N, C-alpha and C. Protein backbone atom coordinates (compact mmCIF):
# COMPACT_ATOMS: atom_id res chain seq x y z
N UNK A 1 -21.06 17.14 -0.36
CA UNK A 1 -21.40 18.10 0.66
C UNK A 1 -22.48 19.04 0.12
N UNK A 2 -23.50 19.22 0.91
CA UNK A 2 -24.56 20.16 0.54
C UNK A 2 -24.14 21.55 0.99
N UNK A 3 -23.87 22.41 0.02
CA UNK A 3 -23.33 23.74 0.31
C UNK A 3 -24.25 24.57 1.20
N UNK A 4 -25.55 24.41 1.04
CA UNK A 4 -26.50 25.21 1.82
C UNK A 4 -26.59 24.76 3.27
N UNK A 5 -26.06 23.60 3.58
CA UNK A 5 -26.16 23.08 4.94
C UNK A 5 -24.95 23.41 5.81
N UNK A 6 -23.95 24.10 5.29
CA UNK A 6 -22.72 24.39 6.05
C UNK A 6 -23.03 25.35 7.19
N UNK A 7 -22.63 24.95 8.38
CA UNK A 7 -22.76 25.80 9.57
C UNK A 7 -21.40 25.85 10.25
N UNK A 8 -20.99 27.06 10.64
CA UNK A 8 -19.70 27.24 11.31
C UNK A 8 -19.92 27.98 12.61
N UNK A 9 -19.40 27.43 13.69
CA UNK A 9 -19.41 28.09 15.00
C UNK A 9 -17.96 28.38 15.35
N UNK A 10 -17.72 29.55 15.88
CA UNK A 10 -16.36 29.92 16.25
C UNK A 10 -16.29 30.39 17.67
N UNK A 11 -15.25 29.95 18.39
CA UNK A 11 -15.00 30.39 19.76
C UNK A 11 -13.70 31.18 19.76
N UNK A 12 -13.79 32.44 20.10
CA UNK A 12 -12.62 33.30 20.13
C UNK A 12 -13.04 34.74 19.99
N UNK A 13 -12.06 35.63 20.00
CA UNK A 13 -12.32 37.05 19.91
C UNK A 13 -12.28 37.50 18.45
N UNK A 14 -13.31 37.15 17.68
CA UNK A 14 -13.39 37.47 16.26
C UNK A 14 -14.83 37.39 15.82
N UNK A 15 -15.07 37.83 14.59
CA UNK A 15 -16.40 37.76 13.99
C UNK A 15 -16.28 37.02 12.67
N UNK A 16 -17.14 36.04 12.44
CA UNK A 16 -17.16 35.32 11.17
C UNK A 16 -17.91 36.18 10.17
N UNK A 17 -17.26 36.55 9.09
CA UNK A 17 -17.88 37.41 8.09
C UNK A 17 -18.50 36.62 6.93
N UNK A 18 -17.84 35.54 6.52
CA UNK A 18 -18.36 34.78 5.38
C UNK A 18 -17.90 33.33 5.46
N UNK A 19 -18.74 32.46 4.94
CA UNK A 19 -18.42 31.04 4.83
C UNK A 19 -18.75 30.62 3.41
N UNK A 20 -17.75 30.15 2.68
CA UNK A 20 -17.94 29.74 1.28
C UNK A 20 -17.36 28.36 1.06
N UNK A 21 -17.97 27.65 0.13
CA UNK A 21 -17.43 26.36 -0.31
C UNK A 21 -16.99 26.53 -1.76
N UNK A 22 -15.84 25.98 -2.10
CA UNK A 22 -15.41 26.02 -3.50
C UNK A 22 -14.73 24.71 -3.85
N UNK A 23 -14.79 24.37 -5.12
CA UNK A 23 -14.16 23.15 -5.61
C UNK A 23 -12.68 23.42 -5.81
N UNK A 24 -11.87 22.44 -5.48
CA UNK A 24 -10.43 22.57 -5.60
C UNK A 24 -9.95 21.53 -6.62
N UNK A 25 -9.83 21.95 -7.87
CA UNK A 25 -9.43 21.04 -8.94
C UNK A 25 -7.92 20.99 -9.14
N UNK A 26 -7.23 22.02 -8.70
CA UNK A 26 -5.83 22.16 -9.07
C UNK A 26 -4.84 21.62 -8.04
N UNK A 27 -5.23 21.51 -6.80
CA UNK A 27 -4.25 21.07 -5.80
C UNK A 27 -3.88 19.62 -6.05
N UNK A 28 -2.62 19.34 -5.83
CA UNK A 28 -2.13 17.97 -6.05
C UNK A 28 -2.77 17.04 -5.03
N UNK A 29 -3.16 15.90 -5.50
CA UNK A 29 -3.77 14.93 -4.60
C UNK A 29 -2.71 14.40 -3.65
N UNK A 30 -3.05 14.41 -2.37
CA UNK A 30 -2.09 13.96 -1.37
C UNK A 30 -2.07 12.44 -1.33
N UNK A 31 -0.88 11.92 -1.26
CA UNK A 31 -0.75 10.47 -1.18
C UNK A 31 -1.01 10.05 0.25
N UNK A 32 -1.92 9.14 0.41
CA UNK A 32 -2.27 8.69 1.74
C UNK A 32 -1.17 7.83 2.34
N UNK A 33 -1.32 7.57 3.62
CA UNK A 33 -0.34 6.73 4.33
C UNK A 33 -0.30 5.33 3.75
N UNK A 34 -1.45 4.83 3.33
CA UNK A 34 -1.50 3.47 2.77
C UNK A 34 -0.70 3.38 1.48
N UNK A 35 -0.86 4.39 0.60
CA UNK A 35 -0.11 4.40 -0.66
C UNK A 35 1.38 4.52 -0.37
N UNK A 36 1.74 5.36 0.60
CA UNK A 36 3.15 5.54 0.93
C UNK A 36 3.76 4.24 1.46
N UNK A 37 3.01 3.51 2.30
CA UNK A 37 3.53 2.25 2.82
C UNK A 37 3.68 1.22 1.70
N UNK A 38 2.76 1.22 0.72
CA UNK A 38 2.90 0.31 -0.42
C UNK A 38 4.11 0.67 -1.27
N UNK A 39 4.34 1.98 -1.47
CA UNK A 39 5.51 2.41 -2.23
C UNK A 39 6.81 2.07 -1.49
N UNK A 40 6.80 2.20 -0.17
CA UNK A 40 7.98 1.81 0.62
C UNK A 40 8.27 0.32 0.48
N UNK A 41 7.21 -0.48 0.47
CA UNK A 41 7.38 -1.93 0.34
C UNK A 41 7.95 -2.28 -1.04
N UNK A 42 7.49 -1.59 -2.09
CA UNK A 42 8.03 -1.80 -3.44
C UNK A 42 9.51 -1.46 -3.46
N UNK A 43 9.89 -0.36 -2.80
CA UNK A 43 11.29 0.06 -2.74
C UNK A 43 12.15 -1.00 -2.05
N UNK A 44 11.64 -1.58 -0.97
CA UNK A 44 12.37 -2.64 -0.27
C UNK A 44 12.55 -3.85 -1.17
N UNK A 45 11.51 -4.21 -1.91
CA UNK A 45 11.60 -5.35 -2.83
C UNK A 45 12.62 -5.07 -3.94
N UNK A 46 12.66 -3.82 -4.43
CA UNK A 46 13.62 -3.47 -5.48
C UNK A 46 15.05 -3.56 -4.98
N UNK A 47 15.30 -3.11 -3.75
CA UNK A 47 16.64 -3.22 -3.16
C UNK A 47 17.02 -4.68 -3.00
N UNK A 48 16.07 -5.49 -2.55
CA UNK A 48 16.33 -6.92 -2.39
C UNK A 48 16.66 -7.56 -3.73
N UNK A 49 15.95 -7.15 -4.79
CA UNK A 49 16.23 -7.69 -6.12
C UNK A 49 17.61 -7.27 -6.62
N UNK A 50 18.03 -6.07 -6.27
CA UNK A 50 19.38 -5.63 -6.65
C UNK A 50 20.43 -6.52 -6.02
N UNK A 51 20.23 -6.85 -4.74
CA UNK A 51 21.16 -7.76 -4.07
C UNK A 51 21.15 -9.15 -4.72
N UNK A 52 19.96 -9.62 -5.06
CA UNK A 52 19.85 -10.94 -5.68
C UNK A 52 20.48 -10.96 -7.07
N UNK A 53 20.30 -9.89 -7.83
CA UNK A 53 20.93 -9.82 -9.15
C UNK A 53 22.45 -9.76 -9.04
N UNK A 54 22.95 -9.06 -8.02
CA UNK A 54 24.40 -9.03 -7.79
C UNK A 54 24.91 -10.43 -7.45
N UNK A 55 24.15 -11.15 -6.64
CA UNK A 55 24.55 -12.52 -6.28
C UNK A 55 24.53 -13.41 -7.52
N UNK A 56 23.56 -13.22 -8.41
CA UNK A 56 23.53 -14.00 -9.65
C UNK A 56 24.77 -13.73 -10.50
N UNK A 57 25.21 -12.48 -10.55
CA UNK A 57 26.43 -12.15 -11.30
C UNK A 57 27.64 -12.85 -10.71
N UNK A 58 27.73 -12.88 -9.39
CA UNK A 58 28.85 -13.56 -8.72
C UNK A 58 28.81 -15.05 -9.04
N UNK A 59 27.62 -15.63 -9.02
CA UNK A 59 27.50 -17.06 -9.32
C UNK A 59 27.87 -17.35 -10.77
N UNK A 60 27.54 -16.45 -11.70
CA UNK A 60 27.94 -16.64 -13.10
C UNK A 60 29.45 -16.58 -13.26
N UNK A 61 30.07 -15.66 -12.53
CA UNK A 61 31.53 -15.56 -12.57
C UNK A 61 32.17 -16.83 -11.99
N UNK A 62 31.58 -17.33 -10.93
CA UNK A 62 32.09 -18.56 -10.30
C UNK A 62 31.96 -19.74 -11.27
N UNK A 63 30.84 -19.80 -11.99
CA UNK A 63 30.64 -20.86 -12.98
C UNK A 63 31.66 -20.74 -14.11
N UNK A 64 31.89 -19.54 -14.59
CA UNK A 64 32.86 -19.38 -15.69
C UNK A 64 34.27 -19.70 -15.20
N UNK A 65 34.57 -19.41 -13.94
CA UNK A 65 35.88 -19.77 -13.38
C UNK A 65 36.04 -21.29 -13.32
N UNK A 66 35.00 -21.98 -12.91
CA UNK A 66 35.03 -23.44 -12.87
C UNK A 66 35.20 -24.00 -14.29
N UNK A 67 34.46 -23.43 -15.24
CA UNK A 67 34.55 -23.91 -16.62
C UNK A 67 35.92 -23.64 -17.23
N UNK A 68 36.54 -22.55 -16.86
CA UNK A 68 37.87 -22.21 -17.40
C UNK A 68 38.94 -23.16 -16.87
N UNK A 69 38.72 -23.76 -15.72
CA UNK A 69 39.72 -24.64 -15.11
C UNK A 69 39.34 -26.11 -15.23
N UNK A 70 38.70 -26.48 -16.33
CA UNK A 70 38.31 -27.88 -16.54
C UNK A 70 39.51 -28.77 -16.84
N UNK A 71 40.47 -28.23 -17.54
CA UNK A 71 41.63 -29.04 -17.92
C UNK A 71 42.49 -29.31 -16.71
N UNK A 72 42.59 -30.56 -16.35
CA UNK A 72 43.36 -30.96 -15.18
C UNK A 72 44.75 -31.39 -15.63
N UNK A 73 45.75 -30.83 -15.01
CA UNK A 73 47.13 -31.20 -15.33
C UNK A 73 47.62 -30.58 -16.61
N UNK A 74 46.90 -29.65 -17.18
CA UNK A 74 47.35 -28.98 -18.39
C UNK A 74 47.08 -29.82 -19.62
N UNK A 75 47.43 -29.30 -20.78
CA UNK A 75 47.17 -30.01 -22.03
C UNK A 75 48.30 -30.97 -22.39
N UNK A 76 49.48 -30.79 -21.79
CA UNK A 76 50.64 -31.62 -22.15
C UNK A 76 50.60 -32.98 -21.49
N UNK A 77 50.53 -33.00 -20.17
CA UNK A 77 50.56 -34.29 -19.47
C UNK A 77 49.15 -34.66 -19.02
N UNK A 78 48.83 -35.88 -19.11
CA UNK A 78 47.53 -36.37 -18.68
C UNK A 78 47.47 -36.47 -17.17
N UNK A 79 46.32 -36.61 -16.63
CA UNK A 79 46.18 -36.75 -15.19
C UNK A 79 45.77 -38.17 -14.87
N UNK A 80 45.99 -38.53 -13.64
CA UNK A 80 45.65 -39.89 -13.22
C UNK A 80 44.14 -40.02 -13.10
N UNK A 81 43.68 -41.25 -13.10
CA UNK A 81 42.26 -41.53 -13.01
C UNK A 81 41.69 -41.03 -11.68
N UNK A 82 42.47 -41.13 -10.61
CA UNK A 82 42.03 -40.68 -9.29
C UNK A 82 41.85 -39.16 -9.29
N UNK A 83 42.81 -38.45 -9.87
CA UNK A 83 42.72 -36.99 -9.93
C UNK A 83 41.51 -36.57 -10.76
N UNK A 84 41.29 -37.29 -11.86
CA UNK A 84 40.17 -36.98 -12.72
C UNK A 84 38.84 -37.20 -11.99
N UNK A 85 38.76 -38.30 -11.25
CA UNK A 85 37.54 -38.61 -10.51
C UNK A 85 37.28 -37.56 -9.42
N UNK A 86 38.33 -37.17 -8.71
CA UNK A 86 38.20 -36.14 -7.67
C UNK A 86 37.79 -34.80 -8.27
N UNK A 87 38.36 -34.48 -9.41
CA UNK A 87 38.03 -33.22 -10.06
C UNK A 87 36.58 -33.22 -10.52
N UNK A 88 36.11 -34.35 -11.07
CA UNK A 88 34.73 -34.43 -11.52
C UNK A 88 33.76 -34.31 -10.34
N UNK A 89 34.09 -34.96 -9.22
CA UNK A 89 33.22 -34.87 -8.05
C UNK A 89 33.19 -33.44 -7.51
N UNK A 90 34.36 -32.79 -7.48
CA UNK A 90 34.43 -31.41 -7.02
C UNK A 90 33.62 -30.50 -7.95
N UNK A 91 33.83 -30.68 -9.26
CA UNK A 91 33.13 -29.87 -10.26
C UNK A 91 31.62 -30.08 -10.16
N UNK A 92 31.21 -31.35 -10.02
CA UNK A 92 29.79 -31.68 -9.92
C UNK A 92 29.17 -31.06 -8.67
N UNK A 93 29.82 -31.19 -7.53
CA UNK A 93 29.28 -30.67 -6.27
C UNK A 93 29.18 -29.14 -6.31
N UNK A 94 30.25 -28.49 -6.74
CA UNK A 94 30.24 -27.02 -6.77
C UNK A 94 29.24 -26.49 -7.80
N UNK A 95 29.21 -27.08 -8.97
CA UNK A 95 28.29 -26.61 -10.00
C UNK A 95 26.84 -26.82 -9.57
N UNK A 96 26.55 -27.93 -8.90
CA UNK A 96 25.18 -28.17 -8.42
C UNK A 96 24.78 -27.14 -7.37
N UNK A 97 25.71 -26.78 -6.48
CA UNK A 97 25.42 -25.76 -5.47
C UNK A 97 25.11 -24.42 -6.16
N UNK A 98 25.93 -24.09 -7.14
CA UNK A 98 25.75 -22.82 -7.85
C UNK A 98 24.40 -22.81 -8.58
N UNK A 99 24.10 -23.87 -9.31
CA UNK A 99 22.85 -23.92 -10.07
C UNK A 99 21.63 -23.91 -9.15
N UNK A 100 21.71 -24.61 -8.02
CA UNK A 100 20.60 -24.63 -7.06
C UNK A 100 20.36 -23.24 -6.50
N UNK A 101 21.45 -22.53 -6.16
CA UNK A 101 21.31 -21.18 -5.63
C UNK A 101 20.76 -20.23 -6.70
N UNK A 102 21.21 -20.39 -7.95
CA UNK A 102 20.69 -19.56 -9.04
C UNK A 102 19.18 -19.77 -9.21
N UNK A 103 18.74 -21.03 -9.19
CA UNK A 103 17.31 -21.32 -9.34
C UNK A 103 16.50 -20.72 -8.19
N UNK A 104 17.04 -20.80 -6.98
CA UNK A 104 16.36 -20.24 -5.82
C UNK A 104 16.23 -18.73 -5.94
N UNK A 105 17.32 -18.08 -6.36
CA UNK A 105 17.31 -16.62 -6.52
C UNK A 105 16.35 -16.21 -7.63
N UNK A 106 16.34 -16.93 -8.75
CA UNK A 106 15.44 -16.60 -9.85
C UNK A 106 13.97 -16.77 -9.44
N UNK A 107 13.69 -17.79 -8.63
CA UNK A 107 12.33 -17.98 -8.13
C UNK A 107 11.92 -16.83 -7.21
N UNK A 108 12.87 -16.39 -6.36
CA UNK A 108 12.60 -15.25 -5.48
C UNK A 108 12.33 -13.98 -6.29
N UNK A 109 13.13 -13.76 -7.33
CA UNK A 109 12.96 -12.57 -8.16
C UNK A 109 11.60 -12.60 -8.85
N UNK A 110 11.22 -13.77 -9.35
CA UNK A 110 9.91 -13.90 -10.01
C UNK A 110 8.77 -13.64 -9.02
N UNK A 111 8.90 -14.17 -7.80
CA UNK A 111 7.89 -13.96 -6.77
C UNK A 111 7.81 -12.48 -6.40
N UNK A 112 8.98 -11.83 -6.27
CA UNK A 112 9.00 -10.41 -5.93
C UNK A 112 8.43 -9.56 -7.06
N UNK A 113 8.67 -9.95 -8.32
CA UNK A 113 8.09 -9.21 -9.45
C UNK A 113 6.57 -9.26 -9.43
N UNK A 114 6.03 -10.45 -9.15
CA UNK A 114 4.56 -10.56 -9.10
C UNK A 114 4.01 -9.79 -7.90
N UNK A 115 4.74 -9.79 -6.79
CA UNK A 115 4.31 -9.04 -5.61
C UNK A 115 4.34 -7.53 -5.88
N UNK A 116 5.39 -7.07 -6.60
CA UNK A 116 5.48 -5.66 -6.94
C UNK A 116 4.35 -5.25 -7.90
N UNK A 117 4.03 -6.12 -8.86
CA UNK A 117 2.92 -5.83 -9.77
C UNK A 117 1.60 -5.72 -9.01
N UNK A 118 1.41 -6.61 -8.05
CA UNK A 118 0.21 -6.57 -7.23
C UNK A 118 0.14 -5.28 -6.41
N UNK A 119 1.28 -4.88 -5.83
CA UNK A 119 1.34 -3.63 -5.05
C UNK A 119 1.07 -2.42 -5.94
N UNK A 120 1.64 -2.42 -7.14
CA UNK A 120 1.40 -1.31 -8.08
C UNK A 120 -0.07 -1.23 -8.47
N UNK A 121 -0.70 -2.38 -8.66
CA UNK A 121 -2.14 -2.40 -8.98
C UNK A 121 -2.96 -1.83 -7.82
N UNK A 122 -2.57 -2.18 -6.58
CA UNK A 122 -3.27 -1.63 -5.42
C UNK A 122 -3.12 -0.12 -5.35
N UNK A 123 -1.89 0.35 -5.61
CA UNK A 123 -1.65 1.80 -5.59
C UNK A 123 -2.49 2.48 -6.66
N UNK A 124 -2.55 1.91 -7.86
CA UNK A 124 -3.35 2.49 -8.94
C UNK A 124 -4.83 2.53 -8.56
N UNK A 125 -5.30 1.47 -7.93
CA UNK A 125 -6.72 1.44 -7.54
C UNK A 125 -7.01 2.49 -6.47
N UNK A 126 -6.10 2.63 -5.51
CA UNK A 126 -6.30 3.63 -4.45
C UNK A 126 -6.27 5.04 -5.04
N UNK A 127 -5.31 5.29 -5.92
CA UNK A 127 -5.19 6.62 -6.51
C UNK A 127 -6.36 6.92 -7.44
N UNK A 128 -6.84 5.92 -8.15
CA UNK A 128 -7.98 6.14 -9.05
C UNK A 128 -9.24 6.47 -8.26
N UNK A 129 -9.41 5.81 -7.12
CA UNK A 129 -10.62 6.06 -6.32
C UNK A 129 -10.55 7.41 -5.62
N UNK A 130 -9.34 7.90 -5.35
CA UNK A 130 -9.23 9.19 -4.65
C UNK A 130 -8.88 10.33 -5.59
N UNK A 131 -8.94 10.07 -6.90
CA UNK A 131 -8.55 11.08 -7.88
C UNK A 131 -9.75 11.95 -8.28
N UNK A 132 -10.54 12.32 -7.31
CA UNK A 132 -11.68 13.16 -7.57
C UNK A 132 -11.37 14.57 -7.08
N UNK A 133 -12.09 15.52 -7.60
CA UNK A 133 -11.88 16.88 -7.13
C UNK A 133 -12.36 16.99 -5.68
N UNK A 134 -11.71 17.85 -4.96
CA UNK A 134 -12.07 18.04 -3.56
C UNK A 134 -12.66 19.43 -3.40
N UNK A 135 -13.38 19.61 -2.33
CA UNK A 135 -13.90 20.95 -2.05
C UNK A 135 -13.29 21.42 -0.75
N UNK A 136 -13.29 22.72 -0.59
CA UNK A 136 -12.76 23.29 0.63
C UNK A 136 -13.73 24.34 1.14
N UNK A 137 -13.75 24.49 2.45
CA UNK A 137 -14.58 25.50 3.08
C UNK A 137 -13.67 26.65 3.45
N UNK A 138 -14.01 27.84 2.99
CA UNK A 138 -13.22 29.04 3.29
C UNK A 138 -14.02 29.90 4.26
N UNK A 139 -13.38 30.25 5.35
CA UNK A 139 -14.03 31.06 6.39
C UNK A 139 -13.28 32.38 6.49
N UNK A 140 -14.00 33.48 6.30
CA UNK A 140 -13.38 34.79 6.44
C UNK A 140 -13.79 35.35 7.79
N UNK A 141 -12.78 35.78 8.57
CA UNK A 141 -13.04 36.31 9.90
C UNK A 141 -12.49 37.72 10.02
N UNK A 142 -13.05 38.47 10.96
CA UNK A 142 -12.55 39.81 11.28
C UNK A 142 -12.18 39.81 12.75
N UNK A 143 -10.92 40.21 13.02
CA UNK A 143 -10.44 40.22 14.40
C UNK A 143 -9.63 41.49 14.62
N UNK A 144 -9.78 42.06 15.82
CA UNK A 144 -9.02 43.27 16.17
C UNK A 144 -7.55 42.95 16.45
N UNK A 145 -7.28 41.76 16.93
CA UNK A 145 -5.90 41.37 17.26
C UNK A 145 -5.71 39.87 17.01
N UNK A 146 -4.46 39.46 16.94
CA UNK A 146 -4.14 38.05 16.72
C UNK A 146 -4.54 37.24 17.95
N UNK A 147 -4.88 36.01 17.72
CA UNK A 147 -5.26 35.13 18.83
C UNK A 147 -5.62 33.77 18.29
N UNK A 148 -5.88 32.87 19.21
CA UNK A 148 -6.26 31.52 18.79
C UNK A 148 -7.77 31.42 18.70
N UNK A 149 -8.21 30.47 17.90
CA UNK A 149 -9.65 30.30 17.69
C UNK A 149 -9.96 28.83 17.48
N UNK A 150 -11.14 28.45 17.86
CA UNK A 150 -11.64 27.10 17.61
C UNK A 150 -12.87 27.20 16.72
N UNK A 151 -12.94 26.33 15.73
CA UNK A 151 -14.08 26.30 14.83
C UNK A 151 -14.74 24.94 14.89
N UNK A 152 -16.06 24.95 14.79
CA UNK A 152 -16.83 23.71 14.66
C UNK A 152 -17.62 23.84 13.37
N UNK A 153 -17.37 22.91 12.45
CA UNK A 153 -18.02 22.97 11.14
C UNK A 153 -18.96 21.78 11.02
N UNK A 154 -20.19 22.06 10.65
CA UNK A 154 -21.19 21.01 10.43
C UNK A 154 -21.73 21.16 9.02
N UNK A 155 -22.01 20.03 8.37
CA UNK A 155 -22.62 20.06 7.05
C UNK A 155 -23.28 18.72 6.78
N UNK A 156 -24.18 18.71 5.85
CA UNK A 156 -24.87 17.49 5.44
C UNK A 156 -24.25 16.96 4.16
N UNK A 157 -24.25 15.66 4.03
CA UNK A 157 -23.73 15.02 2.82
C UNK A 157 -24.79 14.06 2.28
N UNK A 158 -24.70 13.82 1.00
CA UNK A 158 -25.56 12.81 0.39
C UNK A 158 -24.93 11.44 0.66
N UNK A 159 -25.68 10.40 0.49
CA UNK A 159 -25.20 9.02 0.65
C UNK A 159 -24.82 8.67 2.08
N UNK A 160 -25.38 9.37 3.03
CA UNK A 160 -25.22 8.99 4.43
C UNK A 160 -26.54 9.25 5.11
N UNK A 161 -26.90 8.38 6.02
CA UNK A 161 -28.16 8.57 6.72
C UNK A 161 -28.53 7.33 7.51
N UNK A 162 -29.80 7.18 7.77
CA UNK A 162 -30.28 6.03 8.52
C UNK A 162 -31.75 5.77 8.17
N UNK A 163 -32.18 4.58 8.50
CA UNK A 163 -33.59 4.26 8.37
C UNK A 163 -33.98 3.38 9.55
N UNK A 164 -35.23 3.44 9.95
CA UNK A 164 -35.65 2.74 11.17
C UNK A 164 -35.81 1.24 10.96
N UNK A 165 -35.55 0.53 12.05
CA UNK A 165 -35.81 -0.92 12.11
C UNK A 165 -36.47 -1.19 13.47
N UNK A 166 -37.33 -2.17 13.47
CA UNK A 166 -38.07 -2.47 14.69
C UNK A 166 -37.89 -3.94 15.04
N UNK A 167 -37.76 -4.20 16.34
CA UNK A 167 -37.79 -5.56 16.86
C UNK A 167 -39.06 -5.70 17.69
N UNK A 168 -39.88 -6.66 17.36
CA UNK A 168 -41.09 -6.91 18.11
C UNK A 168 -40.92 -8.26 18.80
N UNK A 169 -41.06 -8.24 20.13
CA UNK A 169 -40.90 -9.48 20.90
C UNK A 169 -42.16 -9.68 21.77
N UNK A 170 -42.54 -10.93 21.87
CA UNK A 170 -43.69 -11.26 22.70
C UNK A 170 -43.43 -12.61 23.36
N UNK A 171 -43.74 -12.70 24.65
CA UNK A 171 -43.52 -13.95 25.37
C UNK A 171 -44.61 -14.97 25.06
N UNK A 172 -45.86 -14.53 25.11
CA UNK A 172 -46.99 -15.38 24.74
C UNK A 172 -48.14 -14.49 24.29
N UNK A 173 -49.24 -15.08 23.93
CA UNK A 173 -50.35 -14.35 23.33
C UNK A 173 -51.01 -13.40 24.33
N UNK A 174 -50.98 -13.73 25.59
CA UNK A 174 -51.66 -12.90 26.58
C UNK A 174 -50.75 -11.81 27.17
N UNK A 175 -49.46 -11.86 26.92
CA UNK A 175 -48.51 -10.86 27.46
C UNK A 175 -48.42 -9.67 26.53
N UNK A 176 -48.06 -8.50 27.10
CA UNK A 176 -47.87 -7.33 26.24
C UNK A 176 -46.62 -7.52 25.37
N UNK A 177 -46.64 -6.91 24.22
CA UNK A 177 -45.49 -7.06 23.34
C UNK A 177 -44.46 -5.97 23.63
N UNK A 178 -43.21 -6.26 23.29
CA UNK A 178 -42.10 -5.33 23.50
C UNK A 178 -41.63 -4.85 22.12
N UNK A 179 -41.57 -3.55 21.97
CA UNK A 179 -41.19 -2.96 20.70
C UNK A 179 -39.87 -2.23 20.89
N UNK A 180 -38.84 -2.62 20.13
CA UNK A 180 -37.53 -1.97 20.20
C UNK A 180 -37.29 -1.23 18.89
N UNK A 181 -36.94 0.02 19.01
CA UNK A 181 -36.72 0.90 17.86
C UNK A 181 -35.21 1.00 17.63
N UNK A 182 -34.75 0.67 16.44
CA UNK A 182 -33.32 0.69 16.11
C UNK A 182 -33.12 1.53 14.86
N UNK A 183 -31.86 1.89 14.62
CA UNK A 183 -31.53 2.66 13.41
C UNK A 183 -30.47 1.89 12.63
N UNK A 184 -30.71 1.73 11.35
CA UNK A 184 -29.73 1.13 10.44
C UNK A 184 -29.00 2.30 9.77
N UNK A 185 -27.74 2.50 10.13
CA UNK A 185 -26.97 3.63 9.65
C UNK A 185 -26.17 3.21 8.42
N UNK A 186 -26.11 4.08 7.41
CA UNK A 186 -25.28 3.82 6.23
C UNK A 186 -24.46 5.06 5.93
N UNK A 187 -23.28 4.82 5.38
CA UNK A 187 -22.36 5.92 5.06
C UNK A 187 -21.61 5.52 3.80
N UNK A 188 -22.04 6.03 2.66
CA UNK A 188 -21.46 5.69 1.37
C UNK A 188 -20.81 6.90 0.70
N UNK A 189 -20.25 7.80 1.50
CA UNK A 189 -19.69 9.03 0.94
C UNK A 189 -18.29 8.83 0.38
N UNK A 190 -17.61 7.77 0.82
CA UNK A 190 -16.22 7.57 0.41
C UNK A 190 -15.24 8.33 1.28
N UNK A 191 -15.71 8.97 2.32
CA UNK A 191 -14.85 9.72 3.25
C UNK A 191 -14.89 9.00 4.59
N UNK A 192 -13.72 8.85 5.21
CA UNK A 192 -13.68 8.19 6.52
C UNK A 192 -14.44 9.02 7.55
């Protein structure tokens, strides 16, 4: 912002006494809506991971319960071949279900970890780009009584402007040419 270009117009029952610009180095940088939405998404992923980790614990307990009950018919009497075969099929089916679910959950956790890292990197990039000092315009007014007021503030900034472009069109050599004047606008201030 070019300090010398600041113009303030006020509508209301008051007099503008002074207009100053000052740098604001100390105020905490406000987190934008985009950063907040990214942080909310990270929080949702963390809650989801907590549920998945709890499910992994349950599956580990289920596996240890299956492993603890491997001995069929106790250690004293043997079991029949049919009972042994049924037990092995049951053990195989249940253990495969448990292992498949564990692998699926671990893959989800890994995917969520990489997504959270990506979100954190985006947040860091956003905060780094907006971690500059800001300036504020202070307007001192004199009024006999309280009331509402409207202000219009205008100022010039560097890295914004325009340059001319021309379109020249002609139908044929004997016709008059048509000249169109255009403006190429640029805005590199970093402010919306």
